[in-house]
PDB file of N, CA and C in Angstrom:
ATOM      1  N   UNK A   1      12.890  -7.648 -52.618  1.00  0.00           N
ATOM      2  CA  UNK A   1      13.373  -8.870 -51.968  1.00  0.00           C
ATOM      3  C   UNK A   1      12.688  -9.673 -50.827  1.00  0.00           C
ATOM      4  N   UNK A   2      12.163  -8.573 -50.422  1.00  0.00           N
ATOM      5  CA  UNK A   2      10.918  -8.709 -49.213  1.00  0.00           C
ATOM      6  C   UNK A   2      10.008  -9.344 -49.506  1.00  0.00           C
ATOM      7  N   UNK A   3       9.378  -9.300 -50.383  1.00  0.00           N
ATOM      8  CA  UNK A   3       8.248 -10.142 -50.860  1.00  0.00           C
ATOM      9  C   UNK A   3       8.821 -11.557 -50.833  1.00  0.00           C
ATOM     10  N   UNK A   4       9.850 -11.820 -51.927  1.00  0.00           N
ATOM     11  CA  UNK A   4      10.455 -12.872 -51.769  1.00  0.00           C
ATOM     12  C   UNK A   4      10.715 -13.797 -50.901  1.00  0.00           C
ATOM     13  N   UNK A   5      11.501 -12.900 -49.713  1.00  0.00           N
ATOM     14  CA  UNK A   5      11.812 -13.825 -48.398  1.00  0.00           C
ATOM     15  C   UNK A   5      10.588 -13.859 -47.960  1.00  0.00           C
ATOM     16  N   UNK A   6       9.296 -13.052 -47.780  1.00  0.00           N
ATOM     17  CA  UNK A   6       8.069 -13.405 -47.232  1.00  0.00           C
ATOM     18  C   UNK A   6       7.392 -14.632 -47.748  1.00  0.00           C
ATOM     19  N   UNK A   7       7.414 -15.180 -48.896  1.00  0.00           N
ATOM     20  CA  UNK A   7       6.978 -15.547 -50.122  1.00  0.00           C
ATOM     21  C   UNK A   7       7.615 -17.268 -49.605  1.00  0.00           C
ATOM     22  N   UNK A   8       8.858 -17.172 -49.747  1.00  0.00           N
ATOM     23  CA  UNK A   8      10.385 -18.354 -49.283  1.00  0.00           C
ATOM     24  C   UNK A   8       9.454 -18.699 -47.874  1.00  0.00           C
ATOM     25  N   UNK A   9       9.459 -17.817 -46.902  1.00  0.00           N
ATOM     26  CA  UNK A   9       9.177 -18.054 -45.495  1.00  0.00           C
ATOM     27  C   UNK A   9       7.985 -18.771 -45.423  1.00  0.00           C
ATOM     28  N   UNK A  10       7.074 -18.217 -45.981  1.00  0.00           N
ATOM     29  CA  UNK A  10       5.749 -18.529 -46.138  1.00  0.00           C
ATOM     30  C   UNK A  10       5.634 -20.259 -46.220  1.00  0.00           C
ATOM     31  N   UNK A  11       6.152 -20.490 -47.532  1.00  0.00           N
ATOM     32  CA  UNK A  11       6.297 -21.387 -48.219  1.00  0.00           C
ATOM     33  C   UNK A  11       7.034 -22.743 -47.628  1.00  0.00           C
ATOM     34  N   UNK A  12       8.650 -22.328 -46.873  1.00  0.00           N
ATOM     35  CA  UNK A  12       8.745 -23.306 -45.535  1.00  0.00           C
ATOM     36  C   UNK A  12       7.872 -23.467 -44.480  1.00  0.00           C
ATOM     37  N   UNK A  13       7.369 -22.674 -43.881  1.00  0.00           N
ATOM     38  CA  UNK A  13       6.799 -22.872 -42.914  1.00  0.00           C
ATOM     39  C   UNK A  13       5.328 -23.672 -43.284  1.00  0.00           C
ATOM     40  N   UNK A  14       4.635 -23.531 -44.420  1.00  0.00           N
ATOM     41  CA  UNK A  14       3.628 -24.260 -44.906  1.00  0.00           C
ATOM     42  C   UNK A  14       4.070 -25.594 -45.338  1.00  0.00           C
ATOM     43  N   UNK A  15       5.617 -26.011 -45.824  1.00  0.00           N
ATOM     44  CA  UNK A  15       6.192 -27.402 -46.020  1.00  0.00           C
ATOM     45  C   UNK A  15       6.269 -27.981 -44.272  1.00  0.00           C
ATOM     46  N   UNK A  16       6.924 -26.976 -43.509  1.00  0.00           N
ATOM     47  CA  UNK A  16       6.547 -27.845 -42.681  1.00  0.00           C
ATOM     48  C   UNK A  16       5.928 -28.234 -41.404  1.00  0.00           C
ATOM     49  N   UNK A  17       4.492 -27.580 -41.676  1.00  0.00           N
ATOM     50  CA  UNK A  17       2.984 -27.392 -41.122  1.00  0.00           C
ATOM     51  C   UNK A  17       2.806 -29.319 -41.683  1.00  0.00           C
ATOM     52  N   UNK A  18       2.762 -29.143 -43.148  1.00  0.00           N
ATOM     53  CA  UNK A  18       2.197 -30.368 -43.891  1.00  0.00           C
ATOM     54  C   UNK A  18       3.270 -31.286 -43.102  1.00  0.00           C
ATOM     55  N   UNK A  19       4.316 -31.427 -43.233  1.00  0.00           N
ATOM     56  CA  UNK A  19       5.201 -32.215 -42.537  1.00  0.00           C
ATOM     57  C   UNK A  19       4.828 -33.064 -41.316  1.00  0.00           C
ATOM     58  N   UNK A  20       4.590 -31.954 -40.270  1.00  0.00           N
ATOM     59  CA  UNK A  20       4.082 -32.408 -38.655  1.00  0.00           C
ATOM     60  C   UNK A  20       2.403 -32.819 -39.192  1.00  0.00           C
ATOM     61  N   UNK A  21       1.616 -32.389 -40.169  1.00  0.00           N
ATOM     62  CA  UNK A  21       0.418 -32.936 -39.938  1.00  0.00           C
ATOM     63  C   UNK A  21       0.340 -34.577 -40.514  1.00  0.00           C
ATOM     64  N   UNK A  22       1.465 -34.566 -41.518  1.00  0.00           N
ATOM     65  CA  UNK A  22       1.614 -36.087 -42.030  1.00  0.00           C
ATOM     66  C   UNK A  22       2.267 -36.742 -41.604  1.00  0.00           C
ATOM     67  N   UNK A  23       3.308 -36.453 -40.076  1.00  0.00           N
ATOM     68  CA  UNK A  23       3.253 -37.296 -39.156  1.00  0.00           C
ATOM     69  C   UNK A  23       2.478 -37.358 -37.897  1.00  0.00           C
ATOM     70  N   UNK A  24       1.439 -36.670 -38.055  1.00  0.00           N
ATOM     71  CA  UNK A  24       0.504 -37.104 -37.060  1.00  0.00           C
ATOM     72  C   UNK A  24      -0.664 -38.016 -37.631  1.00  0.00           C
ATOM     73  N   UNK A  25      -0.743 -37.864 -38.764  1.00  0.00           N
ATOM     74  CA  UNK A  25      -1.805 -38.958 -39.750  1.00  0.00           C
ATOM     75  C   UNK A  25      -1.314 -40.173 -39.454  1.00  0.00           C
ATOM     76  N   UNK A  26       0.102 -40.202 -39.388  1.00  0.00           N
ATOM     77  CA  UNK A  26       0.743 -41.660 -39.585  1.00  0.00           C
ATOM     78  C   UNK A  26       1.026 -42.256 -37.908  1.00  0.00           C
ATOM     79  N   UNK A  27       0.926 -41.067 -37.483  1.00  0.00           N
ATOM     80  CA  UNK A  27       1.075 -41.979 -36.243  1.00  0.00           C
ATOM     81  C   UNK A  27      -0.515 -42.270 -35.664  1.00  0.00           C
ATOM     82  N   UNK A  28      -1.446 -41.648 -36.175  1.00  0.00           N
ATOM     83  CA  UNK A  28      -2.682 -41.705 -35.928  1.00  0.00           C
ATOM     84  C   UNK A  28      -3.027 -43.152 -36.156  1.00  0.00           C
ATOM     85  N   UNK A  29      -3.244 -43.247 -37.953  1.00  0.00           N
ATOM     86  CA  UNK A  29      -2.997 -44.926 -38.375  1.00  0.00           C
ATOM     87  C   UNK A  29      -2.528 -45.583 -37.778  1.00  0.00           C
ATOM     88  N   UNK A  30      -1.074 -45.666 -37.359  1.00  0.00           N
ATOM     89  CA  UNK A  30      -0.754 -46.569 -36.457  1.00  0.00           C
ATOM     90  C   UNK A  30      -1.363 -46.903 -34.889  1.00  0.00           C
ATOM     91  N   UNK A  31      -1.690 -46.125 -34.500  1.00  0.00           N
ATOM     92  CA  UNK A  31      -2.241 -46.270 -33.351  1.00  0.00           C
ATOM     93  C   UNK A  31      -3.467 -46.934 -33.285  1.00  0.00           C
ATOM     94  N   UNK A  32      -4.685 -46.807 -34.821  1.00  0.00           N
ATOM     95  CA  UNK A  32      -5.653 -47.396 -34.801  1.00  0.00           C
ATOM     96  C   UNK A  32      -5.297 -48.594 -35.083  1.00  0.00           C
ATOM     97  N   UNK A  33      -4.585 -48.989 -36.540  1.00  0.00           N
ATOM     98  CA  UNK A  33      -3.724 -50.182 -36.271  1.00  0.00           C
ATOM     99  C   UNK A  33      -3.569 -51.092 -35.259  1.00  0.00           C
ATOM    100  N   UNK A  34      -2.880 -50.433 -34.256  1.00  0.00           N
ATOM    101  CA  UNK A  34      -2.632 -51.556 -32.838  1.00  0.00           C
ATOM    102  C   UNK A  34      -3.477 -51.645 -32.147  1.00  0.00           C
ATOM    103  N   UNK A  35      -4.472 -50.709 -31.999  1.00  0.00           N
ATOM    104  CA  UNK A  35      -5.870 -50.959 -31.295  1.00  0.00           C
ATOM    105  C   UNK A  35      -6.859 -52.095 -31.940  1.00  0.00           C
ATOM    106  N   UNK A  36      -6.995 -51.895 -33.250  1.00  0.00           N
ATOM    107  CA  UNK A  36      -7.509 -52.704 -34.137  1.00  0.00           C
ATOM    108  C   UNK A  36      -6.760 -54.357 -33.808  1.00  0.00           C
ATOM    109  N   UNK A  37      -5.500 -54.599 -33.619  1.00  0.00           N
ATOM    110  CA  UNK A  37      -4.690 -55.714 -33.243  1.00  0.00           C
ATOM    111  C   UNK A  37      -4.865 -56.182 -32.063  1.00  0.00           C
ATOM    112  N   UNK A  38      -5.334 -55.178 -30.761  1.00  0.00           N
ATOM    113  CA  UNK A  38      -5.207 -55.484 -29.469  1.00  0.00           C
ATOM    114  C   UNK A  38      -6.623 -55.955 -29.453  1.00  0.00           C
ATOM    115  N   UNK A  39      -7.714 -55.188 -30.125  1.00  0.00           N
ATOM    116  CA  UNK A  39      -9.154 -55.688 -29.911  1.00  0.00           C
ATOM    117  C   UNK A  39      -9.409 -56.911 -30.635  1.00  0.00           C
ATOM    118  N   UNK A  40      -8.607 -57.772 -31.735  1.00  0.00           N
ATOM    119  CA  UNK A  40      -8.485 -58.875 -32.142  1.00  0.00           C
ATOM    120  C   UNK A  40      -8.219 -59.734 -31.004  1.00  0.00           C
ATOM    121  N   UNK A  41      -7.166 -59.625 -30.432  1.00  0.00           N
ATOM    122  CA  UNK A  41      -6.347 -60.633 -29.653  1.00  0.00           C
ATOM    123  C   UNK A  41      -7.407 -60.274 -28.195  1.00  0.00           C
ATOM    124  N   UNK A  42      -7.797 -59.391 -28.090  1.00  0.00           N
ATOM    125  CA  UNK A  42      -9.171 -59.858 -27.064  1.00  0.00           C
ATOM    126  C   UNK A  42     -10.529 -60.742 -26.968  1.00  0.00           C
ATOM    127  N   UNK A  43     -10.630 -60.456 -28.574  1.00  0.00           N
ATOM    128  CA  UNK A  43     -12.025 -61.509 -29.130  1.00  0.00           C
ATOM    129  C   UNK A  43     -11.228 -63.081 -29.330  1.00  0.00           C
ATOM    130  N   UNK A  44     -10.054 -63.020 -29.158  1.00  0.00           N
ATOM    131  CA  UNK A  44      -9.112 -64.174 -29.405  1.00  0.00           C
ATOM    132  C   UNK A  44      -9.441 -65.120 -27.856  1.00  0.00           C
ATOM    133  N   UNK A  45      -8.779 -63.875 -27.083  1.00  0.00           N
ATOM    134  CA  UNK A  45      -9.101 -64.319 -25.251  1.00  0.00           C
ATOM    135  C   UNK A  45     -10.420 -64.761 -24.932  1.00  0.00           C
ATOM    136  N   UNK A  46     -11.282 -63.911 -25.314  1.00  0.00           N
ATOM    137  CA  UNK A  46     -12.910 -64.114 -24.875  1.00  0.00           C
ATOM    138  C   UNK A  46     -12.879 -65.545 -25.732  1.00  0.00           C
ATOM    139  N   UNK A  47     -13.045 -65.607 -26.449  1.00  0.00           N
ATOM    140  CA  UNK A  47     -13.290 -67.146 -27.339  1.00  0.00           C
ATOM    141  C   UNK A  47     -12.240 -68.206 -26.399  1.00  0.00           C
ATOM    142  N   UNK A  48     -11.472 -67.918 -25.989  1.00  0.00           N
ATOM    143  CA  UNK A  48     -10.766 -68.990 -25.781  1.00  0.00           C
ATOM    144  C   UNK A  48     -11.099 -69.279 -24.074  1.00  0.00           C
ATOM    145  N   UNK A  49     -11.354 -67.967 -23.552  1.00  0.00           N
ATOM    146  CA  UNK A  49     -11.803 -68.055 -22.333  1.00  0.00           C
ATOM    147  C   UNK A  49     -13.623 -69.011 -22.123  1.00  0.00           C
ATOM    148  N   UNK A  50     -14.002 -68.651 -23.315  1.00  0.00           N
ATOM    149  CA  UNK A  50     -15.444 -69.347 -23.352  1.00  0.00           C
ATOM    150  C   UNK A  50     -14.852 -70.910 -23.590  1.00  0.00           C
ATOM    151  N   UNK A  51     -14.462 -71.385 -24.759  1.00  0.00           N
ATOM    152  CA  UNK A  51     -13.744 -72.945 -24.728  1.00  0.00           C
ATOM    153  C   UNK A  51     -13.583 -73.287 -23.340  1.00  0.00           C
ATOM    154  N   UNK A  52     -12.818 -72.605 -22.780  1.00  0.00           N
ATOM    155  CA  UNK A  52     -12.030 -73.474 -21.533  1.00  0.00           C
ATOM    156  C   UNK A  52     -12.929 -73.334 -20.501  1.00  0.00           C
ATOM    157  N   UNK A  53     -13.933 -72.508 -20.663  1.00  0.00           N
ATOM    158  CA  UNK A  53     -14.958 -72.617 -19.334  1.00  0.00           C
ATOM    159  C   UNK A  53     -15.735 -73.820 -19.873  1.00  0.00           C
ATOM    160  N   UNK A  54     -16.339 -73.881 -21.097  1.00  0.00           N
ATOM    161  CA  UNK A  54     -17.189 -75.269 -21.620  1.00  0.00           C
ATOM    162  C   UNK A  54     -16.575 -76.235 -21.466  1.00  0.00           C
ATOM    163  N   UNK A  55     -15.292 -76.582 -21.205  1.00  0.00           N
ATOM    164  CA  UNK A  55     -14.246 -77.833 -21.132  1.00  0.00           C
ATOM    165  C   UNK A  55     -14.260 -77.677 -19.594  1.00  0.00           C
ATOM    166  N   UNK A  56     -14.385 -76.799 -18.755  1.00  0.00           N
ATOM    167  CA  UNK A  56     -14.385 -77.072 -17.058  1.00  0.00           C
ATOM    168  C   UNK A  56     -15.668 -77.488 -16.757  1.00  0.00           C
ATOM    169  N   UNK A  57     -16.742 -77.009 -17.642  1.00  0.00           N
ATOM    170  CA  UNK A  57     -17.729 -77.367 -16.951  1.00  0.00           C
ATOM    171  C   UNK A  57     -17.902 -78.969 -17.533  1.00  0.00           C
ATOM    172  N   UNK A  58     -17.726 -79.355 -18.495  1.00  0.00           N
ATOM    173  CA  UNK A  58     -17.749 -81.242 -19.109  1.00  0.00           C
ATOM    174  C   UNK A  58     -16.927 -81.795 -17.986  1.00  0.00           C
ATOM    175  N   UNK A  59     -15.717 -81.464 -17.759  1.00  0.00           N
ATOM    176  CA  UNK A  59     -14.709 -82.079 -16.850  1.00  0.00           C
ATOM    177  C   UNK A  59     -15.416 -82.121 -15.644  1.00  0.00           C
ATOM    178  N   UNK A  60     -15.837 -81.167 -14.819  1.00  0.00           N
ATOM    179  CA  UNK A  60     -16.463 -81.256 -13.500  1.00  0.00           C
ATOM    180  C   UNK A  60     -17.667 -82.132 -13.576  1.00  0.00           C
ATOM    181  N   UNK A  61     -18.533 -81.830 -14.951  1.00  0.00           N
ATOM    182  CA  UNK A  61     -19.995 -83.112 -15.139  1.00  0.00           C
ATOM    183  C   UNK A  61     -19.131 -84.345 -14.977  1.00  0.00           C
ATOM    184  N   UNK A  62     -18.457 -84.462 -15.893  1.00  0.00           N
ATOM    185  CA  UNK A  62     -17.681 -85.859 -16.152  1.00  0.00           C
ATOM    186  C   UNK A  62     -17.119 -86.714 -14.453  1.00  0.00           C
ATOM    187  N   UNK A  63     -16.443 -85.582 -13.394  1.00  0.00           N
ATOM    188  CA  UNK A  63     -15.852 -86.087 -12.344  1.00  0.00           C
ATOM    189  C   UNK A  63     -17.049 -86.194 -11.185  1.00  0.00           C
ATOM    190  N   UNK A  64     -18.035 -85.463 -11.480  1.00  0.00           N
ATOM    191  CA  UNK A  64     -19.174 -85.957 -10.880  1.00  0.00           C
ATOM    192  C   UNK A  64     -19.918 -87.301 -11.213  1.00  0.00           C
ATOM    193  N   UNK A  65     -20.073 -87.485 -12.299  1.00  0.00           N
ATOM    194  CA  UNK A  65     -20.307 -88.778 -12.686  1.00  0.00           C
ATOM    195  C   UNK A  65     -19.373 -89.731 -11.900  1.00  0.00           C
ATOM    196  N   UNK A  66     -18.120 -89.619 -12.098  1.00  0.00           N
ATOM    197  CA  UNK A  66     -17.164 -90.728 -12.141  1.00  0.00           C
ATOM    198  C   UNK A  66     -17.396 -90.749 -10.319  1.00  0.00           C
ATOM    199  N   UNK A  67     -17.174 -89.771  -9.622  1.00  0.00           N
ATOM    200  CA  UNK A  67     -17.612 -90.290  -8.237  1.00  0.00           C
ATOM    201  C   UNK A  67     -18.938 -90.839  -7.676  1.00  0.00           C
ATOM    202  N   UNK A  68     -19.992 -90.609  -8.582  1.00  0.00           N
ATOM    203  CA  UNK A  68     -21.610 -91.217  -8.199  1.00  0.00           C
ATOM    204  C   UNK A  68     -20.924 -92.855  -8.726  1.00  0.00           C
ATOM    205  N   UNK A  69     -20.285 -92.989  -9.897  1.00  0.00           N
ATOM    206  CA  UNK A  69     -20.100 -94.177 -10.252  1.00  0.00           C
ATOM    207  C   UNK A  69     -19.081 -95.195  -9.178  1.00  0.00           C
ATOM    208  N   UNK A  70     -18.346 -94.177  -8.495  1.00  0.00           N
ATOM    209  CA  UNK A  70     -17.399 -95.018  -7.760  1.00  0.00           C
ATOM    210  C   UNK A  70     -17.854 -95.437  -6.394  1.00  0.00           C
ATOM    211  N   UNK A  71     -18.756 -94.585  -5.901  1.00  0.00           N
ATOM    212  CA  UNK A  71     -19.807 -94.492  -4.500  1.00  0.00           C
ATOM    213  C   UNK A  71     -20.358 -95.763  -4.773  1.00  0.00           C
ATOM    214  N   UNK A  72     -21.356 -96.025  -5.759  1.00  0.00           N
ATOM    215  CA  UNK A  72     -21.786 -97.350  -6.284  1.00  0.00           C
ATOM    216  C   UNK A  72     -21.296 -98.326  -6.317  1.00  0.00           C
ATOM    217  N   UNK A  73     -20.333 -98.455  -6.943  1.00  0.00           N
ATOM    218  CA  UNK A  73     -18.917 -99.606  -7.095  1.00  0.00           C
ATOM    219  C   UNK A  73     -18.877 -99.763  -5.885  1.00  0.00           C
ATOM    220  N   UNK A  74     -18.659 -99.171  -4.700  1.00  0.00           N
ATOM    221  CA  UNK A  74     -17.787 -99.135  -3.480  1.00  0.00           C
ATOM    222  C   UNK A  74     -19.358-100.008  -2.801  1.00  0.00           C
ATOM    223  N   UNK A  75     -20.241 -99.219  -2.725  1.00  0.00           N
ATOM    224  CA  UNK A  75     -21.752 -99.595  -1.827  1.00  0.00           C
ATOM    225  C   UNK A  75     -21.896-101.416  -2.503  1.00  0.00           C
ATOM    226  N   UNK A  76     -21.911-101.762  -3.893  1.00  0.00           N
ATOM    227  CA  UNK A  76     -21.929-103.135  -4.249  1.00  0.00           C
ATOM    228  C   UNK A  76     -21.131-103.857  -3.700  1.00  0.00           C
ATOM    229  N   UNK A  77     -19.902-103.593  -3.830  1.00  0.00           N
ATOM    230  CA  UNK A  77     -18.418-103.963  -3.492  1.00  0.00           C
ATOM    231  C   UNK A  77     -18.816-104.784  -1.690  1.00  0.00           C
ATOM    232  N   UNK A  78     -19.123-103.468  -0.883  1.00  0.00           N
ATOM    233  CA  UNK A  78     -19.751-104.097   0.576  1.00  0.00           C
ATOM    234  C   UNK A  78     -20.741-104.633   0.409  1.00  0.00           C
ATOM    235  N   UNK A  79     -21.539-104.745  -0.221  1.00  0.00           N
ATOM    236  CA  UNK A  79     -22.744-105.747  -0.319  1.00  0.00           C
ATOM    237  C   UNK A  79     -22.109-107.288  -0.594  1.00  0.00           C
ATOM    238  N   UNK A  80     -21.647-107.215  -1.713  1.00  0.00           N
ATOM    239  CA  UNK A  80     -20.926-108.438  -2.279  1.00  0.00           C
ATOM    240  C   UNK A  80     -20.199-108.931  -1.074  1.00  0.00           C
ATOM    241  N   UNK A  81     -19.084-108.586  -0.382  1.00  0.00           N
ATOM    242  CA  UNK A  81     -18.480-108.731   0.448  1.00  0.00           C
ATOM    243  C   UNK A  81     -18.837-109.362   1.683  1.00  0.00           C
ATOM    244  N   UNK A  82     -20.103-108.583   2.103  1.00  0.00           N
ATOM    245  CA  UNK A  82     -21.035-108.909   3.132  1.00  0.00           C
ATOM    246  C   UNK A  82     -21.553-110.384   2.545  1.00  0.00           C
ATOM    247  N   UNK A  83     -22.446-110.169   1.471  1.00  0.00           N
ATOM    248  CA  UNK A  83     -22.979-111.379   0.904  1.00  0.00           C
ATOM    249  C   UNK A  83     -22.173-112.696   1.348  1.00  0.00           C
ATOM    250  N   UNK A  84     -20.676-112.816   0.791  1.00  0.00           N
ATOM    251  CA  UNK A  84     -19.880-113.889   0.745  1.00  0.00           C
ATOM    252  C   UNK A  84     -19.706-114.065   2.321  1.00  0.00           C
ATOM    253  N   UNK A  85     -19.280-113.226   3.112  1.00  0.00           N
ATOM    254  CA  UNK A  85     -19.011-113.646   4.305  1.00  0.00           C
ATOM    255  C   UNK A  85     -20.324-114.451   4.957  1.00  0.00           C
ATOM    256  N   UNK A  86     -21.323-114.135   4.680  1.00  0.00           N
ATOM    257  CA  UNK A  86     -22.702-115.009   5.179  1.00  0.00           C
ATOM    258  C   UNK A  86     -22.637-115.655   4.962  1.00  0.00           C
ATOM    259  N   UNK A  87     -22.092-116.180   3.506  1.00  0.00           N
ATOM    260  CA  UNK A  87     -22.257-117.439   3.003  1.00  0.00           C
ATOM    261  C   UNK A  87     -21.242-118.538   3.690  1.00  0.00           C
ATOM    262  N   UNK A  88     -19.784-117.891   3.945  1.00  0.00           N
ATOM    263  CA  UNK A  88     -18.765-118.541   4.417  1.00  0.00           C
ATOM    264  C   UNK A  88     -19.046-118.610   5.798  1.00  0.00           C
ATOM    265  N   UNK A  89     -19.613-118.144   6.480  1.00  0.00           N
ATOM    266  CA  UNK A  89     -20.311-118.055   7.963  1.00  0.00           C
ATOM    267  C   UNK A  89     -21.065-119.309   8.571  1.00  0.00           C
ATOM    268  N   UNK A  90     -21.912-119.631   7.032  1.00  0.00           N
ATOM    269  CA  UNK A  90     -22.893-120.909   7.432  1.00  0.00           C
ATOM    270  C   UNK A  90     -22.423-121.993   7.408  1.00  0.00           C
TER     271      UNK A  90
END
């Protein structure tokens, strides 16, 4: 019976070790899946950041052009008002 008991005990130990190994493999696969998901999210965020940076640059360029146009219109209005005043003063 001692040999049978030892074989049964060894088999139970092997089943226990295999179960722990399977759990460890499952946990590893899940962590790798989580890592892949996180990596994809980082790539999406980087893509969004690049797109937003481009849009910001374009908006800043447009704002600069509008400021320049505003200054030019203002200058022309002042010139027109001065011309009208000069004509009226004559």
